Amino acid sequence: MRVGILSYHFPPEPAFIPGGLAEELARRGHEVRVLTGFPDYPGGHVYPGWRQRWRHLTRSERLTVRRVPRYAGGDGSPAARLAGYLSFAASAALVGRRYLADVDVLYVFQLPATTFAAAGVLRLLGRAPTVLHVQDLWTGEATGAEDAEGRARPGRIAAAMGRVLREADAVAVTAPSMRGLVLAQGVSEERVHTVLNWTDERIFQPVRPGRAAQALVRRDARCVVMHAGTIGVRQGLETAVRAAAALDDRMDLVLVGSGGEERRVRGLAAELRADNVRFVERRSPVDMPELYAAADYQLVTLRDLPELRGTVPSKVQSALACAAPVVASAGGDTAALVERARAGLSCPPEDWAALADRFWLASTIPASARAEMGRRGRETYLREMSLGAGVDRIETLLGAVAAGQPPEQPSQKRS
């Protein structure tokens, strides 16, 4: 097939899903054309050594990547993010009509940032068969109060996303509960399919921690729970800080990363005099497996919001792939996945007392039992969330819609 891929982010950004998909489809013999922007995540500034221009094309044997300019404001404000979304939409629509004109099928890595671009490109391409891979669904329930995590003018984005969902020939969702949210947008059942995300398997795999990683993560023999990633509104890390502060004599909480809520979370830790809560600046993805291995557990937190119950954060896949046990302070599919895999502990979201209880229990579990949790988690990842398993499902969807056939649900195939 000639496969077009539309994605706001793409490697060298940490965009494991569209990057891995493009490479694997090309390896399997398909001609792949990617339309994306210039790398600027997470800082909002174009990477050193890159210069935005209109004629930027890279080719390998079966993979072509075309990059188009977009606004890179760098200040992280909702207005700057919206400007990035709209400028990418204009650039993608301008270039996409010719660049993607003769593809057999279009795959859209559907983040809110891609919504306007998807709408514009689909309109210009006419009825190009399309598979939408939805990573984050903004519903009509979203409000301006969430702007600190990029929810600039959410009503406009949510409405555009709903239209794109209804126009797609197939929609892949990253968690079972997200399927219900997509169906509520008016998409028919036979067009919605669950495809769990994968991670960059060249990076995220079990390793032994080096001395530098040990020194960064551990101070003594106490239990260490690490949160790696964005410190933002959706994560609700104040809950974790309060829980850790209640157990300052038996565990450490290490927060690796940054984000819009970092100042607030740091302030709460100082207010509670939580000396066992430590902050480590953002690290490159290639450093993370060693840091995972130096800690005892990886923490996944999500706020108690309806749209987050159908979300499985990418750090879950990364932790499971590294055989790291997980503590999940979340509802919906994230907690269900951890419990089903028997890969860690879970508790309801935004309940610091319940999370403190999980932290206490985690600190009592011996190393051999933690290793067994990690082993079960990695087995679940390889079976259900690996690159090969995910691309198999996406490739099947692409082939079906390109042929004008309704994709079968997995249960239909087994029967």
Protein backbone atom coordinates (compact mmCIF):
# COMPACT_ATOMS: atom_id res chain seq x y z
CA MET A 1 0.00 0.00 0.00
CA ARG A 2 0.90 3.66 -0.29
CA VAL A 3 0.30 4.86 3.26
CA GLY A 4 0.18 8.51 4.29
CA ILE A 5 0.88 9.38 7.94
CA LEU A 6 -0.20 12.71 9.43
CA SER A 7 1.32 13.44 12.83
CA TYR A 8 2.03 16.63 14.78
CA HIS A 9 5.07 15.00 16.42
CA PHE A 10 7.60 12.64 14.88
CA PRO A 11 11.13 11.47 15.73
CA PRO A 12 13.58 12.83 16.78
CA GLU A 13 10.81 13.95 19.14
CA PRO A 14 9.80 11.13 21.55
CA ALA A 15 6.94 10.13 19.26
CA PHE A 16 7.22 6.36 19.54
CA ILE A 17 3.87 5.48 17.98
CA PRO A 18 4.01 7.26 14.60
CA GLY A 19 7.77 6.78 14.36
CA GLY A 20 7.68 3.07 15.07
CA LEU A 21 4.65 2.56 12.82
CA ALA A 22 6.27 4.35 9.87
CA GLU A 23 9.49 2.37 10.12
CA GLU A 24 7.75 -0.98 10.58
CA LEU A 25 5.28 -0.44 7.72
CA ALA A 26 8.18 0.50 5.43
CA ARG A 27 10.09 -2.60 6.59
CA ARG A 28 7.05 -4.69 5.68
CA GLY A 29 7.16 -3.37 2.11
CA HIS A 30 4.67 -0.50 2.13
CA GLU A 31 5.50 2.94 0.71
CA VAL A 32 5.12 5.39 3.59
CA ARG A 33 4.85 9.19 3.38
CA VAL A 34 4.90 11.14 6.63
CA LEU A 35 3.66 14.72 6.93
CA THR A 36 4.76 16.36 10.17
CA GLY A 37 6.29 19.48 11.71
CA PHE A 38 9.78 20.44 12.82
CA PRO A 39 10.81 18.96 16.18
CA ASP A 40 10.17 21.25 19.16
CA TYR A 41 8.81 19.02 21.95
CA PRO A 42 8.86 19.46 24.94
CA GLY A 43 10.48 22.89 25.18
CA GLY A 44 8.52 24.58 22.40
CA HIS A 45 11.72 25.61 20.60
CA VAL A 46 12.94 24.02 17.37
CA TYR A 47 15.77 21.60 18.14
CA PRO A 48 19.36 22.81 17.69
CA GLY A 49 20.63 22.11 14.20
CA TRP A 50 17.14 22.34 12.69
CA ARG A 51 15.77 25.30 10.72
CA GLN A 52 12.13 25.60 9.69
CA ARG A 53 11.65 25.86 5.94
CA TRP A 54 9.14 24.76 3.34
CA ARG A 55 11.25 22.36 1.30
CA HIS A 56 12.44 19.82 3.88
CA LEU A 57 12.27 16.24 2.66
CA THR A 58 14.14 13.15 3.84
CA ARG A 59 13.97 9.78 2.09
CA SER A 60 14.99 6.24 2.78
CA GLU A 61 14.13 3.21 0.66
CA ARG A 62 10.37 3.20 1.32
CA LEU A 63 9.94 6.02 3.84
CA THR A 64 9.64 9.72 3.01
CA VAL A 65 9.23 12.42 5.66
CA ARG A 66 8.03 15.91 4.70
CA ARG A 67 8.23 18.57 7.41
CA VAL A 68 6.26 21.81 7.32
CA PRO A 69 6.70 24.95 9.44
CA ARG A 70 4.56 25.65 12.49
CA TYR A 71 4.58 28.26 15.23
CA ALA A 72 7.03 27.36 18.00
CA GLY A 73 6.34 29.89 20.75
CA GLY A 74 8.22 28.21 23.54
CA ASP A 75 6.31 29.87 26.41
CA GLY A 76 3.91 26.94 26.97
CA SER A 77 0.86 29.19 27.19
CA PRO A 78 -2.54 28.06 25.87
CA ALA A 79 -2.42 30.81 23.23
CA ALA A 80 1.00 29.65 22.03
CA ARG A 81 -0.15 26.05 21.83
CA LEU A 82 -3.25 27.00 19.88
CA ALA A 83 -1.10 29.04 17.50
CA GLY A 84 1.06 25.96 16.97
CA TYR A 85 -2.00 23.81 16.25
CA LEU A 86 -3.53 26.26 13.77
CA SER A 87 -0.27 27.05 11.98
CA PHE A 88 0.46 23.35 11.54
CA ALA A 89 -3.06 22.85 10.17
CA ALA A 90 -2.51 25.58 7.57
CA SER A 91 0.91 24.27 6.56
CA ALA A 92 -0.23 20.65 6.40
CA ALA A 93 -3.28 21.52 4.31
CA LEU A 94 -1.17 23.59 1.92
CA VAL A 95 1.38 20.83 1.34
CA GLY A 96 -0.79 17.77 1.93
CA ARG A 97 -3.04 18.16 -1.08
CA ARG A 98 -0.19 17.33 -3.44
CA TYR A 99 2.12 15.33 -1.17
CA LEU A 100 -0.61 12.90 -0.06
CA ALA A 101 -2.75 13.04 -3.19
CA ASP A 102 -2.23 9.46 -4.39
CA VAL A 103 -1.98 7.53 -1.11
CA ASP A 104 -4.15 4.45 -0.78
CA VAL A 105 -4.97 5.18 2.84
CA LEU A 106 -4.24 7.91 5.39
CA TYR A 107 -3.27 7.20 9.01
CA VAL A 108 -3.73 10.10 11.44
CA PHE A 109 -1.96 10.07 14.80
CA GLN A 110 -4.80 11.88 16.49
CA LEU A 111 -3.78 14.22 19.28
CA PRO A 112 -5.73 17.43 19.94
CA ALA A 113 -2.81 19.21 18.27
CA THR A 114 -3.53 17.31 15.02
CA THR A 115 -7.27 17.91 14.96
CA PHE A 116 -7.43 21.02 12.79
CA ALA A 117 -4.76 19.65 10.44
CA ALA A 118 -6.69 16.40 10.04
CA ALA A 119 -9.89 18.28 9.27
CA GLY A 120 -8.16 20.45 6.66
CA VAL A 121 -6.23 17.65 4.97
CA LEU A 122 -9.25 15.34 4.80
CA ARG A 123 -11.33 18.12 3.26
CA LEU A 124 -8.71 18.75 0.55
CA LEU A 125 -8.09 15.07 -0.19
CA GLY A 126 -11.78 14.34 -0.57
CA ARG A 127 -12.70 10.83 0.48
CA ALA A 128 -9.25 9.42 1.15
CA PRO A 129 -9.76 6.25 3.23
CA THR A 130 -8.69 7.17 6.75
CA VAL A 131 -7.70 5.44 9.99
CA LEU A 132 -7.68 7.68 13.03
CA HIS A 133 -5.52 6.53 15.97
CA VAL A 134 -6.99 8.52 18.88
CA GLN A 135 -4.58 9.23 21.73
CA ASP A 136 -6.53 11.80 23.70
CA LEU A 137 -10.22 12.59 23.43
CA TRP A 138 -11.57 15.99 24.37
CA THR A 139 -15.28 15.81 25.02
CA GLY A 140 -17.86 18.53 25.46
CA GLU A 141 -17.32 18.21 29.23
CA ALA A 142 -13.91 19.86 28.99
CA THR A 143 -13.73 23.38 30.34
CA GLY A 144 -11.35 26.28 30.21
CA ALA A 145 -10.21 25.44 33.73
CA GLU A 146 -7.90 22.82 32.22
CA ASP A 147 -5.99 25.30 30.07
CA ALA A 148 -2.74 24.75 31.98
CA GLU A 149 -2.45 21.39 30.21
CA GLY A 150 -3.06 22.77 26.76
CA ARG A 151 -6.84 23.05 26.77
CA ALA A 152 -6.94 26.30 24.84
CA ARG A 153 -10.47 27.00 23.58
CA PRO A 154 -11.49 23.35 24.15
CA GLY A 155 -15.01 23.71 22.78
CA ARG A 156 -13.65 24.52 19.34
CA ILE A 157 -11.16 21.64 19.39
CA ALA A 158 -13.72 19.18 20.77
CA ALA A 159 -16.20 20.08 18.03
CA ALA A 160 -13.57 19.68 15.29
CA MET A 161 -12.44 16.37 16.78
CA GLY A 162 -16.01 15.08 16.80
CA ARG A 163 -16.39 15.88 13.09
CA VAL A 164 -13.12 14.15 12.20
CA LEU A 165 -14.07 11.07 14.22
CA ARG A 166 -17.38 10.73 12.42
CA GLU A 167 -15.73 11.13 9.00
CA ALA A 168 -13.02 8.48 9.54
CA ASP A 169 -13.41 5.02 8.01
CA ALA A 170 -11.92 3.37 11.11
CA VAL A 171 -10.99 4.67 14.55
CA ALA A 172 -8.36 2.98 16.72
CA VAL A 173 -8.54 3.77 20.44
CA THR A 174 -5.77 3.20 22.96
CA ALA A 175 -7.88 1.78 25.79
CA PRO A 176 -11.22 -0.08 26.08
CA SER A 177 -13.04 2.70 27.96
CA MET A 178 -12.09 5.24 25.29
CA ARG A 179 -14.20 3.20 22.88
CA GLY A 180 -17.34 4.25 24.74
CA LEU A 181 -16.32 7.91 24.57
CA VAL A 182 -15.81 7.65 20.81
CA LEU A 183 -19.16 5.88 20.34
CA ALA A 184 -20.79 8.74 22.25
CA GLN A 185 -19.49 11.08 19.51
CA GLY A 186 -21.77 9.33 17.01
CA VAL A 187 -19.24 6.89 15.53
CA SER A 188 -20.72 3.49 14.64
CA GLU A 189 -19.55 0.47 16.64
CA GLU A 190 -18.09 -1.49 13.75
CA ARG A 191 -15.63 1.34 13.00
CA VAL A 192 -14.06 1.54 16.48
CA HIS A 193 -11.19 -0.80 17.38
CA THR A 194 -8.90 -1.04 20.42
CA VAL A 195 -5.16 -0.90 19.66
CA LEU A 196 -2.99 -0.52 22.75
CA ASN A 197 0.01 1.76 22.39
CA TRP A 198 3.59 0.54 22.38
CA THR A 199 6.83 2.23 23.40
CA ASP A 200 10.30 2.56 21.85
CA GLU A 201 11.53 -0.98 22.39
CA ARG A 202 15.07 -0.07 21.35
CA ILE A 203 15.24 2.05 24.51
CA PHE A 204 12.76 0.67 27.03
CA GLN A 205 13.85 -2.78 28.10
CA PRO A 206 15.12 -4.30 31.36
CA VAL A 207 18.61 -3.11 32.33
CA ARG A 208 20.81 -2.93 35.41
CA PRO A 209 21.23 0.54 36.94
CA GLY A 210 24.68 2.10 36.85
CA ARG A 211 26.28 3.97 39.73
CA ALA A 212 25.21 7.36 38.39
CA ALA A 213 21.55 6.30 38.20
CA GLN A 214 21.70 4.81 41.69
CA ALA A 215 23.21 7.99 43.09
CA LEU A 216 20.57 10.15 41.42
CA VAL A 217 17.58 8.10 42.56
CA ARG A 218 18.53 6.55 45.90
CA ARG A 219 19.78 8.02 49.15
CA ASP A 220 19.65 4.86 51.26
CA ALA A 221 17.94 1.46 51.36
CA ARG A 222 14.41 2.88 51.70
CA CYS A 223 11.72 2.14 49.15
CA VAL A 224 11.80 4.54 46.19
CA VAL A 225 8.71 5.34 44.12
CA MET A 226 9.46 7.34 40.98
CA HIS A 227 7.18 9.44 38.80
CA ALA A 228 8.74 10.12 35.40
CA GLY A 229 7.11 12.54 32.97
CA THR A 230 4.95 15.62 32.88
CA ILE A 231 4.14 17.46 36.10
CA GLY A 232 0.84 18.91 34.94
CA VAL A 233 -2.82 19.40 35.78
CA ARG A 234 -3.88 15.99 34.55
CA GLN A 235 -1.37 14.15 36.72
CA GLY A 236 -2.58 15.67 39.99
CA LEU A 237 0.76 15.05 41.69
CA GLU A 238 -0.27 16.99 44.78
CA THR A 239 -2.00 13.75 45.82
CA ALA A 240 1.31 11.87 45.60
CA VAL A 241 3.17 14.54 47.57
CA ARG A 242 0.61 14.44 50.39
CA ALA A 243 0.75 10.64 50.47
CA ALA A 244 4.55 10.59 50.57
CA ALA A 245 4.67 13.27 53.27
CA ALA A 246 2.64 10.98 55.52
CA LEU A 247 5.34 8.29 55.17
CA ASP A 248 8.50 10.35 55.31
CA ASP A 249 10.23 7.81 57.55
CA ARG A 250 9.93 4.79 55.24
CA MET A 251 9.89 5.79 51.52
CA ASP A 252 11.09 8.38 49.03
CA LEU A 253 9.11 9.92 46.17
CA VAL A 254 11.30 11.01 43.24
CA LEU A 255 9.69 13.19 40.55
CA VAL A 256 11.65 13.20 37.28
CA GLY A 257 10.50 15.76 34.74
CA SER A 258 8.84 19.14 34.54
CA GLY A 259 5.61 20.81 33.52
CA GLY A 260 3.13 23.58 34.13
CA GLU A 261 2.33 22.50 37.68
CA GLU A 262 5.91 21.95 38.84
CA ARG A 263 6.05 25.16 40.86
CA ARG A 264 2.79 24.33 42.63
CA VAL A 265 3.91 20.78 43.44
CA ARG A 266 7.30 21.96 44.68
CA GLY A 267 5.55 24.54 46.83
CA LEU A 268 3.30 21.91 48.41
CA ALA A 269 6.29 19.68 49.20
CA ALA A 270 8.01 22.62 50.89
CA GLU A 271 4.85 23.58 52.79
CA LEU A 272 4.48 20.01 54.11
CA ARG A 273 8.22 19.80 54.84
CA ALA A 274 8.29 16.58 52.87
CA ASP A 275 12.04 15.97 52.80
CA ASN A 276 11.41 12.58 51.23
CA VAL A 277 10.02 14.20 48.06
CA ARG A 278 12.81 15.01 45.61
CA PHE A 279 12.77 16.60 42.16
CA VAL A 280 15.07 15.61 39.29
CA GLU A 281 15.15 17.62 36.08
CA ARG A 282 13.90 16.10 32.86
CA ARG A 283 16.13 13.40 31.40
CA SER A 284 16.53 12.02 27.89
CA PRO A 285 14.46 8.90 27.15
CA VAL A 286 17.67 6.91 26.71
CA ASP A 287 18.51 7.58 30.38
CA MET A 288 15.18 6.43 31.73
CA PRO A 289 15.53 2.61 31.81
CA GLU A 290 18.47 2.89 34.21
CA LEU A 291 16.54 5.32 36.40
CA TYR A 292 13.55 2.95 36.36
CA ALA A 293 15.84 0.13 37.44
CA ALA A 294 17.33 2.20 40.26
CA ALA A 295 13.84 2.82 41.74
CA ASP A 296 11.57 0.17 43.26
CA TYR A 297 8.29 1.28 41.63
CA GLN A 298 7.06 3.59 38.89
CA LEU A 299 4.16 5.85 39.85
CA VAL A 300 1.31 6.60 37.43
CA THR A 301 -1.18 9.26 38.54
CA LEU A 302 -4.23 10.65 36.79
CA ARG A 303 -6.89 13.00 38.07
CA ASP A 304 -10.46 11.80 38.49
CA LEU A 305 -11.83 13.20 35.22
CA PRO A 306 -14.27 11.35 32.90
CA GLU A 307 -12.06 11.71 29.82
CA LEU A 308 -9.05 10.25 31.68
CA ARG A 309 -10.75 6.98 32.60
CA GLY A 310 -10.20 5.82 29.04
CA THR A 311 -6.55 6.90 28.99
CA VAL A 312 -3.47 4.76 29.55
CA PRO A 313 -0.46 7.10 29.86
CA SER A 314 2.62 6.17 27.83
CA LYS A 315 4.65 5.78 31.01
CA VAL A 316 2.65 2.59 31.72
CA GLN A 317 3.97 0.92 28.57
CA SER A 318 7.49 2.18 29.25
CA ALA A 319 7.47 0.84 32.81
CA LEU A 320 6.03 -2.54 31.85
CA ALA A 321 8.50 -2.92 28.97
CA CYS A 322 11.31 -2.31 31.48
CA ALA A 323 9.86 -4.87 33.91
CA ALA A 324 9.32 -2.12 36.50
CA PRO A 325 6.49 -2.62 39.04
CA VAL A 326 3.81 0.09 38.96
CA VAL A 327 1.83 1.97 41.59
CA ALA A 328 -1.25 3.44 39.88
CA SER A 329 -3.29 6.22 41.43
CA ALA A 330 -5.87 6.25 38.68
CA GLY A 331 -9.25 4.95 37.63
CA GLY A 332 -10.58 3.26 34.54
CA ASP A 333 -8.29 1.41 32.14
CA THR A 334 -4.97 2.34 33.75
CA ALA A 335 -5.84 0.72 37.08
CA ALA A 336 -7.56 -2.20 35.35
CA LEU A 337 -4.48 -2.92 33.24
CA VAL A 338 -2.10 -2.89 36.22
CA GLU A 339 -4.41 -5.13 38.24
CA ARG A 340 -5.11 -7.55 35.38
CA ALA A 341 -1.39 -7.93 34.66
CA ARG A 342 -0.67 -8.26 38.40
CA ALA A 343 2.16 -5.85 37.72
CA GLY A 344 1.80 -3.64 40.79
CA LEU A 345 -0.64 -1.87 43.08
CA SER A 346 -3.52 0.52 42.44
CA CYS A 347 -5.88 2.82 44.29
CA PRO A 348 -8.61 5.33 43.37
CA PRO A 349 -7.41 8.67 41.92
CA GLU A 350 -7.04 11.88 43.95
CA ASP A 351 -7.22 10.04 47.29
CA TRP A 352 -3.99 10.76 49.14
CA ALA A 353 -4.85 8.53 52.11
CA ALA A 354 -5.48 5.54 49.84
CA LEU A 355 -2.26 6.26 47.97
CA ALA A 356 -0.35 6.52 51.25
CA ASP A 357 -1.68 3.07 52.11
CA ARG A 358 -0.41 1.75 48.75
CA PHE A 359 2.99 3.39 49.36
CA TRP A 360 3.16 1.74 52.78
CA LEU A 361 2.25 -1.66 51.33
CA ALA A 362 4.75 -1.20 48.50
CA SER A 363 7.51 -0.57 51.02
CA THR A 364 6.80 -3.92 52.74
CA ILE A 365 6.95 -6.10 49.60
CA PRO A 366 10.24 -7.99 49.31
CA ALA A 367 12.53 -7.59 46.30
CA SER A 368 11.73 -11.06 44.96
CA ALA A 369 8.00 -10.30 44.84
CA ARG A 370 8.67 -6.93 43.15
CA ALA A 371 10.75 -8.71 40.52
CA GLU A 372 7.87 -11.09 39.90
CA MET A 373 5.50 -8.14 39.42
CA GLY A 374 7.92 -6.70 36.88
CA ARG A 375 8.21 -10.01 35.04
CA ARG A 376 4.42 -10.33 34.74
CA GLY A 377 4.17 -6.76 33.54
CA ARG A 378 6.77 -7.28 30.81
CA GLU A 379 5.02 -10.46 29.67
CA THR A 380 1.77 -8.51 29.38
CA TYR A 381 3.52 -5.77 27.40
CA LEU A 382 5.08 -8.22 24.95
CA ARG A 383 1.79 -10.07 24.47
CA GLU A 384 -0.62 -7.14 24.18
CA MET A 385 1.25 -3.86 23.67
CA SER A 386 4.41 -4.59 21.70
CA LEU A 387 5.33 -2.83 18.46
CA GLY A 388 4.71 -6.00 16.47
CA ALA A 389 1.27 -6.62 17.97
CA GLY A 390 0.20 -3.00 17.53
CA VAL A 391 1.42 -2.66 13.93
CA ASP A 392 -0.29 -5.94 13.02
CA ARG A 393 -3.60 -4.43 14.13
CA ILE A 394 -3.02 -1.06 12.46
CA GLU A 395 -1.86 -2.71 9.22
CA THR A 396 -5.05 -4.80 9.17
CA LEU A 397 -7.19 -1.67 9.61
CA LEU A 398 -5.28 0.18 6.88
CA GLY A 399 -5.68 -2.70 4.45
CA ALA A 400 -9.39 -3.06 5.10
CA VAL A 401 -10.30 0.60 4.66
CA ALA A 402 -8.02 0.93 1.61
CA ALA A 403 -9.98 -1.94 0.04
CA GLY A 404 -13.29 -0.34 0.99
CA GLN A 405 -14.14 -3.12 3.42
CA PRO A 406 -15.38 -2.75 7.01
CA PRO A 407 -12.57 -3.83 9.35
CA GLU A 408 -13.46 -6.85 11.46
CA GLN A 409 -13.37 -6.72 15.23
CA PRO A 410 -10.89 -9.17 16.82
CA SER A 411 -13.74 -11.21 18.30
CA GLN A 412 -15.18 -11.71 14.83
CA LYS A 413 -11.85 -13.00 13.55
CA ARG A 414 -11.53 -15.55 16.35
CA SER A 415 -14.97 -16.89 15.60
